[in-house]
Structure formats: structure tokens, C-alpha cells
Protein backbone atom coordinates (compact mmCIF):
# COMPACT_ATOMS: atom_id res chain seq x y z
CA MET A 1 -28.58 131.76 100.48
CA ALA A 2 -29.07 135.46 101.81
CA LYS A 3 -28.92 138.22 99.32
CA ILE A 4 -25.84 139.82 98.30
CA PRO A 5 -25.80 143.46 100.27
CA CYS A 6 -25.17 146.52 97.63
CA ASP A 7 -25.65 149.14 99.57
CA VAL A 8 -24.13 149.57 103.11
CA LYS A 9 -27.96 150.31 104.56
CA ASP A 10 -28.72 146.56 103.47
CA LEU A 11 -25.87 144.91 105.67
CA LYS A 12 -27.27 142.35 107.72
CA PRO A 13 -24.97 139.71 108.89
CA PRO A 14 -26.10 136.22 109.15
CA ALA A 15 -28.36 136.03 112.63
CA GLU A 16 -26.95 132.48 113.18
CA GLY A 17 -23.37 133.77 113.83
CA ARG A 18 -21.37 136.09 115.69
CA LEU A 19 -18.69 138.99 114.68
CA VAL A 20 -15.16 138.37 115.67
CA GLU A 21 -14.59 141.45 118.13
CA VAL A 22 -11.76 143.50 119.39
CA VAL A 23 -11.35 143.29 123.23
CA ASP A 24 -7.68 144.79 125.34
CA GLY A 25 -6.29 145.05 121.26
CA SER A 26 -6.76 141.56 120.54
CA ILE A 27 -8.88 139.63 118.48
CA LYS A 28 -11.56 137.65 120.41
CA VAL A 29 -13.26 134.80 117.99
CA PRO A 30 -16.18 133.24 118.96
CA ASP A 31 -17.00 129.75 118.23
CA ASN A 32 -19.62 130.81 115.64
CA PRO A 33 -17.37 133.22 113.99
CA ILE A 34 -18.87 135.14 110.72
CA VAL A 35 -16.43 135.09 108.23
CA ALA A 36 -17.48 136.99 104.86
CA PHE A 37 -16.63 135.88 101.62
CA ILE A 38 -15.83 136.95 97.84
CA GLU A 39 -16.28 133.85 95.47
CA GLY A 40 -14.34 135.89 93.07
CA ASP A 41 -13.83 135.87 88.91
CA GLY A 42 -12.82 132.99 86.47
CA ILE A 43 -12.41 129.86 88.67
CA GLY A 44 -12.67 131.52 91.78
CA PRO A 45 -16.22 130.38 92.66
CA GLU A 46 -15.33 126.94 92.66
CA VAL A 47 -11.74 127.18 94.15
CA VAL A 48 -14.00 129.39 96.88
CA ARG A 49 -16.71 126.76 97.12
CA SER A 50 -13.91 123.96 97.73
CA ALA A 51 -11.78 126.00 100.30
CA ARG A 52 -15.28 126.28 102.32
CA ALA A 53 -16.05 122.61 102.26
CA VAL A 54 -12.39 121.50 103.55
CA ILE A 55 -12.63 124.14 105.93
CA ASP A 56 -15.92 123.32 107.39
CA ALA A 57 -15.01 119.41 107.56
CA ALA A 58 -11.79 120.35 109.35
CA VAL A 59 -13.77 122.76 112.64
CA LYS A 60 -16.11 119.81 112.40
CA LYS A 61 -13.78 117.17 112.81
CA ALA A 62 -11.43 119.35 114.91
CA TYR A 63 -14.11 120.64 117.53
CA GLY A 64 -17.28 117.59 117.66
CA GLY A 65 -19.57 120.14 116.36
CA LYS A 66 -18.92 123.06 119.41
CA ARG A 67 -17.28 125.08 117.09
CA ARG A 68 -18.76 126.28 113.12
CA ILE A 69 -17.96 129.53 110.95
CA VAL A 70 -21.09 131.31 109.52
CA TRP A 71 -20.14 131.95 106.06
CA TRP A 72 -21.48 135.54 104.63
CA GLU A 73 -21.44 136.13 101.10
CA VAL A 74 -20.11 139.55 99.75
CA ALA A 75 -19.68 140.44 96.15
CA ALA A 76 -16.21 142.00 94.07
CA GLY A 77 -15.87 141.95 90.59
CA GLU A 78 -17.79 140.50 87.45
CA LYS A 79 -20.63 139.20 89.78
CA ALA A 80 -20.58 142.36 91.95
CA MET A 81 -20.49 144.30 88.80
CA GLU A 82 -23.60 141.97 87.86
CA THR A 83 -25.39 142.11 91.24
CA CYS A 84 -24.89 145.98 92.32
CA GLY A 85 -23.57 147.70 89.00
CA GLU A 86 -20.19 148.56 90.59
CA LEU A 87 -16.88 146.44 90.77
CA LEU A 88 -16.19 146.85 94.59
CA PRO A 89 -19.18 148.11 96.35
CA LYS A 90 -18.85 149.67 100.17
CA ALA A 91 -21.09 147.37 101.12
CA THR A 92 -18.22 144.80 100.06
CA LEU A 93 -16.06 147.05 102.43
CA GLU A 94 -18.15 147.50 105.57
CA ALA A 95 -19.01 143.54 105.72
CA LEU A 96 -15.08 142.89 105.70
CA ARG A 97 -14.67 145.83 108.58
CA LEU A 98 -17.54 144.41 110.14
CA ALA A 99 -16.62 140.91 109.84
CA LYS A 100 -12.99 141.61 110.62
CA VAL A 101 -12.02 138.05 109.04
CA GLY A 102 -12.71 137.51 105.02
CA LEU A 103 -11.96 134.68 102.41
CA LYS A 104 -12.06 136.26 98.69
CA GLY A 105 -10.69 134.18 95.39
CA PRO A 106 -9.05 136.10 92.73
CA LEU A 107 -10.23 139.19 90.76
CA THR A 108 -9.76 140.11 87.64
CA THR A 109 -8.30 143.87 86.59
CA PRO A 110 -7.78 144.56 83.12
CA VAL A 111 -4.51 144.95 82.59
CA GLY A 112 -3.18 148.03 81.30
CA SER A 113 -6.67 149.60 81.66
CA GLY A 114 -5.63 152.80 84.22
CA TYR A 115 -7.96 150.92 86.44
CA ARG A 116 -6.90 149.81 90.10
CA SER A 117 -6.69 146.16 90.78
CA LEU A 118 -9.34 145.18 93.07
CA ASN A 119 -7.02 143.31 94.93
CA VAL A 120 -5.29 146.08 95.73
CA ALA A 121 -8.22 148.37 96.21
CA ILE A 122 -9.28 146.23 99.35
CA ARG A 123 -5.77 146.31 100.96
CA MET A 124 -5.42 149.80 100.58
CA ALA A 125 -9.42 150.84 101.91
CA LEU A 126 -8.94 147.88 104.67
CA ASP A 127 -4.84 149.51 105.73
CA LEU A 128 -4.01 145.67 105.38
CA TYR A 129 -0.70 146.34 105.40
CA ALA A 130 0.82 142.89 105.47
CA ASN A 131 0.77 140.06 102.80
CA ILE A 132 1.88 137.34 104.45
CA ARG A 133 2.73 134.40 102.11
CA PRO A 134 3.56 130.57 103.45
CA VAL A 135 5.27 129.24 100.87
CA ARG A 136 5.83 125.39 102.08
CA TYR A 137 6.49 121.64 100.32
CA TYR A 138 3.94 118.81 100.64
CA GLY A 139 5.67 116.46 98.39
CA GLN A 140 4.05 117.31 95.49
CA PRO A 141 6.05 117.61 91.79
CA ALA A 142 9.17 120.16 92.15
CA PRO A 143 11.54 120.88 89.71
CA HIS A 144 13.85 122.12 92.65
CA LYS A 145 17.00 119.66 93.91
CA TYR A 146 16.41 121.14 96.95
CA ALA A 147 12.55 121.80 97.47
CA ASP A 148 12.01 119.89 100.62
CA LYS A 149 14.42 122.31 102.50
CA VAL A 150 12.07 125.21 101.31
CA ASN A 151 9.91 126.78 104.44
CA PHE A 152 9.86 130.29 103.94
CA VAL A 153 6.87 132.94 105.45
CA ILE A 154 7.49 136.07 103.32
CA PHE A 155 5.91 139.08 104.57
CA ARG A 156 5.81 141.91 102.37
CA GLU A 157 4.77 145.30 102.83
CA ASN A 158 1.42 146.10 101.03
CA THR A 159 0.56 149.61 101.30
CA GLU A 160 3.40 151.52 99.72
CA ASP A 161 6.35 150.59 97.56
CA LEU A 162 5.55 150.93 93.69
CA TYR A 163 1.94 150.00 94.48
CA ALA A 164 1.19 152.69 95.96
CA GLY A 165 0.61 154.06 92.13
CA ILE A 166 1.91 157.25 92.06
CA GLU A 167 2.80 157.49 88.02
CA TRP A 168 2.51 159.84 85.30
CA PRO A 169 2.60 158.93 81.81
CA ALA A 170 5.08 159.85 79.40
CA ASP A 171 2.72 162.40 76.97
CA SER A 172 1.14 163.66 79.87
CA PRO A 173 0.70 167.36 81.45
CA GLU A 174 1.63 165.72 84.57
CA ALA A 175 4.65 164.08 83.66
CA ARG A 176 5.88 167.34 81.94
CA LYS A 177 5.46 169.40 85.28
CA VAL A 178 7.22 166.91 87.52
CA ALA A 179 10.06 167.10 84.80
CA GLU A 180 10.42 170.85 84.68
CA PHE A 181 9.93 170.93 88.75
CA LEU A 182 13.10 168.33 88.94
CA LYS A 183 14.71 170.50 86.62
CA LYS A 184 14.23 173.78 88.02
CA GLU A 185 14.35 172.97 91.40
CA PHE A 186 17.42 170.06 91.28
CA GLY A 187 18.72 170.48 88.07
CA ILE A 188 17.55 167.05 87.40
CA GLU A 189 17.15 166.51 83.55
CA LEU A 190 15.13 163.65 82.55
CA ARG A 191 14.71 162.46 78.75
CA PRO A 192 11.52 163.81 76.55
CA ASN A 193 9.01 161.45 76.60
CA THR A 194 9.85 160.27 79.75
CA GLY A 195 7.12 158.26 82.03
CA ILE A 196 7.12 158.71 85.68
CA GLY A 197 6.73 157.29 89.24
CA ILE A 198 7.31 158.06 92.49
CA LYS A 199 8.35 155.22 94.92
CA PRO A 200 7.35 155.91 98.47
CA ILE A 201 8.57 153.78 101.74
CA SER A 202 8.06 155.83 104.84
CA GLU A 203 9.54 154.64 108.54
CA TYR A 204 5.87 154.53 109.59
CA ALA A 205 4.79 151.47 107.04
CA THR A 206 8.09 149.80 107.39
CA LYS A 207 8.29 149.77 110.89
CA ARG A 208 4.91 148.25 111.62
CA ILE A 209 5.20 145.54 109.07
CA ALA A 210 9.02 144.15 110.63
CA ARG A 211 6.89 144.09 114.22
CA LYS A 212 4.22 142.12 112.61
CA ALA A 213 6.96 139.75 110.81
CA PHE A 214 9.64 139.63 114.24
CA LYS A 215 6.24 138.77 116.00
CA TRP A 216 5.27 135.88 113.63
CA ALA A 217 8.88 134.34 113.91
CA ILE A 218 8.91 134.41 118.28
CA GLU A 219 5.70 132.87 118.30
CA HIS A 220 6.40 130.73 115.72
CA GLY A 221 9.66 129.24 117.19
CA ASN A 222 11.71 130.66 113.54
CA ARG A 223 15.36 130.70 113.90
CA VAL A 224 16.02 133.80 110.75
CA VAL A 225 14.68 137.09 109.86
CA THR A 226 16.05 137.88 106.68
CA ILE A 227 15.48 142.05 105.13
CA MET A 228 15.02 141.52 101.87
CA HIS A 229 16.30 145.17 99.84
CA LYS A 230 18.50 146.97 97.23
CA GLY A 231 19.19 149.46 99.46
CA ASN A 232 22.59 149.53 97.70
CA ILE A 233 21.12 151.34 95.15
CA MET A 234 18.12 152.83 96.31
CA LYS A 235 19.14 154.47 99.84
CA TYR A 236 16.54 156.55 100.79
CA THR A 237 13.94 153.94 100.19
CA GLU A 238 14.77 150.30 100.56
CA GLY A 239 17.80 151.21 102.45
CA ALA A 240 15.58 153.07 104.47
CA PHE A 241 13.51 150.10 104.54
CA MET A 242 16.56 147.98 105.80
CA ARG A 243 18.01 150.64 108.68
CA TRP A 244 14.26 151.03 109.89
CA ALA A 245 13.61 146.89 109.76
CA TYR A 246 17.05 146.41 112.03
CA GLU A 247 16.05 149.60 114.16
CA VAL A 248 12.38 147.42 115.26
CA ALA A 249 14.57 144.54 115.82
CA THR A 250 17.10 146.11 118.19
CA THR A 251 14.78 148.02 120.42
CA GLU A 252 11.75 146.41 120.23
CA PHE A 253 12.54 142.95 120.30
CA ARG A 254 16.32 143.40 121.64
CA ASP A 255 15.67 140.49 124.23
CA HIS A 256 14.96 138.26 121.20
CA VAL A 257 17.26 139.00 117.99
CA VAL A 258 20.99 138.77 117.31
CA THR A 259 21.82 140.56 114.39
CA GLU A 260 24.49 139.35 111.86
CA GLN A 261 27.31 141.47 112.46
CA GLU A 262 26.50 141.11 116.54
CA LEU A 263 26.76 137.03 115.78
CA TYR A 264 30.33 137.29 114.68
CA GLU A 265 31.61 140.39 116.54
CA LYS A 266 30.61 138.70 119.83
CA TYR A 267 29.12 135.22 119.72
CA GLY A 268 31.96 134.24 117.59
CA GLY A 269 30.20 132.71 114.51
CA GLN A 270 28.03 130.41 117.19
CA MET A 271 24.07 131.34 117.70
CA PRO A 272 22.87 131.69 120.91
CA GLU A 273 19.83 129.68 122.13
CA GLY A 274 17.04 130.97 121.71
CA LYS A 275 17.83 133.98 119.83
CA ILE A 276 16.50 135.02 116.29
CA LEU A 277 19.42 135.91 113.78
CA VAL A 278 17.97 138.86 112.14
CA ASN A 279 20.28 139.83 108.70
CA ASP A 280 19.57 141.33 105.39
CA ARG A 281 20.15 140.59 101.90
CA ILE A 282 20.42 142.61 98.45
CA ALA A 283 17.32 142.06 96.50
CA ASP A 284 19.12 140.25 93.19
CA ASN A 285 21.53 138.02 95.36
CA MET A 286 18.32 137.01 97.95
CA LEU A 287 16.72 135.73 94.62
CA GLN A 288 19.29 133.14 93.61
CA GLN A 289 20.19 132.42 97.56
CA ILE A 290 16.64 130.96 98.36
CA ILE A 291 17.67 128.71 94.97
CA THR A 292 21.49 127.77 96.66
CA ARG A 293 20.69 127.83 100.33
CA PRO A 294 16.65 127.80 100.94
CA TRP A 295 17.70 126.17 104.54
CA ASP A 296 19.80 129.50 105.54
CA TYR A 297 15.97 131.64 105.31
CA GLU A 298 12.62 131.19 107.09
CA ILE A 299 11.11 134.72 107.40
CA ILE A 300 11.91 137.03 104.61
CA LEU A 301 10.48 140.74 105.50
CA ALA A 302 10.50 142.98 101.61
CA PRO A 303 8.88 145.62 100.31
CA ASN A 304 5.71 145.52 97.91
CA VAL A 305 7.62 144.89 94.65
CA ASN A 306 10.37 142.65 96.27
CA GLY A 307 7.79 140.36 98.38
CA ASP A 308 5.74 139.95 94.72
CA TYR A 309 8.68 138.82 92.99
CA ILE A 310 10.35 136.91 95.59
CA SER A 311 7.29 135.12 96.37
CA ASP A 312 6.40 133.93 93.22
CA GLU A 313 10.09 132.61 92.65
CA ALA A 314 9.99 130.79 95.92
CA ASN A 315 6.30 129.16 95.14
CA ALA A 316 8.38 127.75 91.76
CA LEU A 317 10.48 126.14 93.60
CA VAL A 318 8.06 123.87 95.52
CA GLY A 319 6.11 123.75 91.89
CA GLY A 320 4.50 126.49 91.46
CA ILE A 321 1.48 129.22 92.48
CA GLY A 322 -1.29 126.53 92.55
CA MET A 323 -0.37 125.89 95.81
CA ALA A 324 0.40 129.27 96.70
CA ALA A 325 -1.48 130.71 100.02
CA GLY A 326 -1.80 134.13 100.65
CA MET A 327 -3.50 136.44 103.85
CA ASN A 328 -3.22 140.44 103.77
CA ALA A 329 -3.73 141.56 107.29
CA GLY A 330 -3.99 144.66 109.04
CA ASP A 331 -3.83 144.99 113.34
CA TYR A 332 -7.69 143.62 113.44
CA ILE A 333 -8.45 142.69 110.14
CA ALA A 334 -7.66 139.80 107.80
CA VAL A 335 -8.57 138.91 103.99
CA ALA A 336 -6.91 135.54 102.41
CA GLU A 337 -6.41 135.16 98.83
CA PRO A 338 -4.33 132.79 96.62
CA VAL A 339 -1.14 134.33 95.23
CA HIS A 340 -2.47 133.02 91.46
CA GLY A 341 -5.00 134.74 89.59
CA THR A 342 -8.68 134.26 87.65
CA ALA A 343 -7.06 131.28 85.32
CA PRO A 344 -10.38 132.16 83.37
CA LYS A 345 -9.91 129.69 80.25
CA TYR A 346 -9.97 126.76 83.10
CA ALA A 347 -13.62 128.44 84.91
CA GLY A 348 -16.38 126.26 84.75
CA LYS A 349 -14.66 123.19 83.94
CA ASP A 350 -13.87 121.60 87.32
CA VAL A 351 -10.25 121.17 86.80
CA ALA A 352 -8.24 124.12 88.95
CA ASN A 353 -6.41 123.05 91.74
CA PRO A 354 -8.09 124.38 94.80
CA THR A 355 -5.13 123.96 97.46
CA ALA A 356 -3.61 127.66 96.67
CA GLU A 357 -7.37 128.87 97.91
CA ILE A 358 -7.67 126.09 101.07
CA LEU A 359 -4.24 126.80 102.29
CA SER A 360 -5.21 130.42 102.37
CA ALA A 361 -8.14 129.67 103.99
CA VAL A 362 -5.79 127.89 106.80
CA LEU A 363 -3.68 131.08 107.22
CA LEU A 364 -6.92 133.40 108.11
CA VAL A 365 -8.36 130.31 110.08
CA ALA A 366 -5.27 128.69 112.00
CA GLU A 367 -3.32 131.67 112.37
CA HIS A 368 -5.20 134.77 112.67
CA MET A 369 -8.27 133.28 114.16
CA GLY A 370 -6.35 130.85 116.71
CA TRP A 371 -7.63 127.94 115.51
CA LYS A 372 -4.67 125.99 114.80
CA GLU A 373 -6.20 122.37 115.11
CA VAL A 374 -7.93 123.23 111.99
CA GLY A 375 -4.50 123.70 109.88
CA LYS A 376 -3.13 120.68 111.42
CA LEU A 377 -5.87 118.40 109.52
CA VAL A 378 -6.06 120.36 106.54
CA GLU A 379 -2.11 120.18 106.02
CA GLU A 380 -2.06 116.95 106.65
CA ALA A 381 -5.02 115.61 104.18
CA ILE A 382 -3.39 117.40 101.52
CA LYS A 383 0.11 116.17 102.21
CA ARG A 384 -1.67 112.74 102.21
CA ALA A 385 -3.54 113.33 98.90
CA ILE A 386 0.23 114.29 97.33
CA ARG A 387 1.50 111.05 98.44
CA ASP A 388 -1.16 109.14 97.40
CA LYS A 389 -1.39 110.72 93.64
CA LYS A 390 -4.62 111.82 94.48
CA VAL A 391 -4.21 115.43 92.34
CA THR A 392 -5.41 117.65 89.89
CA GLN A 393 -4.70 117.72 86.44
CA ASP A 394 -1.98 120.59 87.55
CA LEU A 395 0.20 118.28 89.29
CA ALA A 396 -1.01 115.15 87.41
CA ARG A 397 0.76 116.19 84.67
CA HIS A 398 4.11 115.63 86.47
CA MET A 399 3.21 112.51 87.66
CA PRO A 400 3.57 110.01 85.19
CA GLY A 401 0.21 107.00 84.79
CA VAL A 402 -1.58 109.48 87.08
CA THR A 403 -5.14 110.00 86.42
CA PRO A 404 -6.19 113.86 87.95
CA LEU A 405 -9.29 114.36 90.22
CA LYS A 406 -11.50 117.10 89.46
CA THR A 407 -11.64 119.94 91.68
CA SER A 408 -14.85 118.43 93.34
CA GLU A 409 -13.03 114.83 93.17
CA TYR A 410 -9.83 116.45 94.92
CA THR A 411 -12.40 118.28 97.54
CA GLN A 412 -14.05 115.02 98.69
CA ALA A 413 -11.14 113.19 98.96
CA LEU A 414 -9.52 116.27 101.22
CA ILE A 415 -12.53 115.84 103.13
CA GLU A 416 -12.02 111.93 103.22
CA TYR A 417 -8.36 112.58 105.01
CA ILE A 418 -9.89 114.46 107.18
CA GLU A 419 -12.41 112.93 108.90
CA SER A 420 -10.09 109.78 108.98
CA LEU A 421 -7.36 111.31 110.96
């Protein structure tokens, strides 16, 4: 394994691979693309190792050796601190910019420490404005009556809203200054010792995440895009998010969409063939709608915080976040990562479920890089493993009489299924 780069001047992409390029506004993927990867913390090294092995097996099966991924390790989190003396080296960010495709494990950020999340820092630094989170049922044990009806892709805006991190502690001079300004300029008086946060949502950021969601819907043949918001209360942030998303739909994608209002006023409630329904739902209503009527929803477009809430709830319907995939994408760069955290109590024990990391890698390779055959093979292997009750402990405990597989054993089982397809 090549030395992990700590300084930008030490960056040397693997000689046996080629970097993904941008040509005429689209990425061009060679047959031997360099994919940067970050092992991450806690269970990260185990699940990333599993994902790489499964993806390599699927690439080999799909293309018979004509294509292969060249993996390039870079560091963030605890390994970066040990190797480079900092949590997020500039060399790591530059490597991700060069490669344009990255896979990362979960990273630790101390809660309440004042240190910005490393995951958020990477998204911000690379302008990965779209957090794409598919939620699908593969036959796993699930608590929901309609788990088999759940098939969502959540498009969560990644750079604004509360995750932008504009806030001041209650006892800070900055908070007092803002409170004084609000009282003096607008006659708004806050209670003493109040923490203050600012929630920015812009037209620019909203419209570009909306474009990505509608392009995905068109490419994948989805029938409905739902804008999730709390615009009835936050009229000029989340309400604006809704209005700007509708504006993108009805101007830039006019030939493809029908709004819910148009559906009833112009079409008598009957969807025209080949069109995409665009509607919106208030956030609290949306959170219960995906439970009571999951079949009504496919693409969910949401501001940052709403997107976070609903993706965890949606994954709970199909068994939890152990199988929850995610990808952070910009116009050209994408870094895939699971929704779950580092699970330190399971680290190094060979018991963690790597499926979320594997499915995140599928998003990167099959969707962003366009190697669709890889995604089909991996997803079919996961379905067969669950069907045959070859699962890790988190799923096995809900299957009476099933002996759980270790992470490494489950990985090998998936590879064997892929090779048999």
C-alpha cells in the first residue's frame, strides 16, 4: 500500500490508474478509474474493506477484466491525526478533487465539542451540495407493515439550513450583540440568555439541488417528486425552498412535469402518461405520510435538516440504518458514505453490517460513474443473501434460529453470489 499523503506536494495518484475527467460538462470515466477512499473511524476500516472487495468482484464479473477500479487511500479522522497530525489534511481534500470519485467510512466528531463535523467539512470544502439517500427494501427483517412498498430516493440539500453552522452560545458577546441589533432595528426582544442561530436558505442552492432531483427522476423513470418543507411557519426559508423548487420544475422541466394543482384543474385527477407529478408536503405531515402511504412517494426533495430527519425515519421502515446508503455529490465530484456512524463498541470485532457502505459504493460506481451493471449484481447478491438468511448479527437477531455471519463471512457470501450470477 502506498504511503498516505499528508501534504499536497506529496500527492501521487496510483500510476496503474487514470483520473476521472470532465469533458463537455460531464464526467468521463476511464476503464481503470482511480477512486480515492477514506477508511474512517470505528467500524469504518472493516466496512470499507468489505465494500471494496464486493465492488471489485462485481466489476470483474460485469466486465470480465476489461474494467477495474484502482483504489487510492487518503486519510481523515483518527488515522489522519495519527499519520498527519490533523483530522482533515488538505492533501485529502485535494486528492478527492483530483479523483472526483471517493468512498469514505464513517468519521468521528466529538458531540458538543465545538468542532465542526468532518463529514460536513468535506461536503462544504468540495461543494457536494446534494446528499442522495436511496431507501429500499431488500427482504430484510423490518417492523413496518408496508416495508415492501418503500422505495424512495431522498435529495437532501447539503450546504445550507441549520447545518451551515451559523449560531452563537447564549452567554456569548456575539449573541448579546445580535439580540441588541434585533431589538434596536426591528423591535424584536428575545429572552435574556438566549442562544441564537441563523437558518440560511438561498435561491441558488435550492435550485441546483432541485435540478439534480428532477434530472434523476427523468433518468430513472420516477413518477412523482415531492418537496418536503415547513413553509407554513418558516415562510421565507423553507417556504422559499418550496417556491424555488416549483419554479425549477415548471420552467426548466416544463415538458416533463405536472403540478398537483394542474393535475386536478386540467386533467381531472388523471396523470398524463409519461409525466412526473410534482407536489409538496408540510414536513410533519410528510413524516407520517411515508408511514401510512409509502407507495405515494418516490423522490423526496428537502432542505438539509428535513432531509436528515426523513431519511432516518424512512430507513427505520425497512429495518434501520445498517443498510442506509448515501452519496454526497456536486456537479462533478461525488463522495459516497453510509448514513450510520462509527459504532465504536463494534470496532475490530468483525460483526458490523457492511451493507450500508456497500450500497453507498454502489451509488458511486453505478450511478455517478455510470457502471450500472455493477449495481444490479450487488443488489441482487444482497437480496439473495437475505433470502437465504446469510446475514450479520443486526439482522440475524430478528430471524429466529439464524446464526449470524461475521462481517468477513458475509462479505465472502456476497462475492460468491456475485460470481454465481
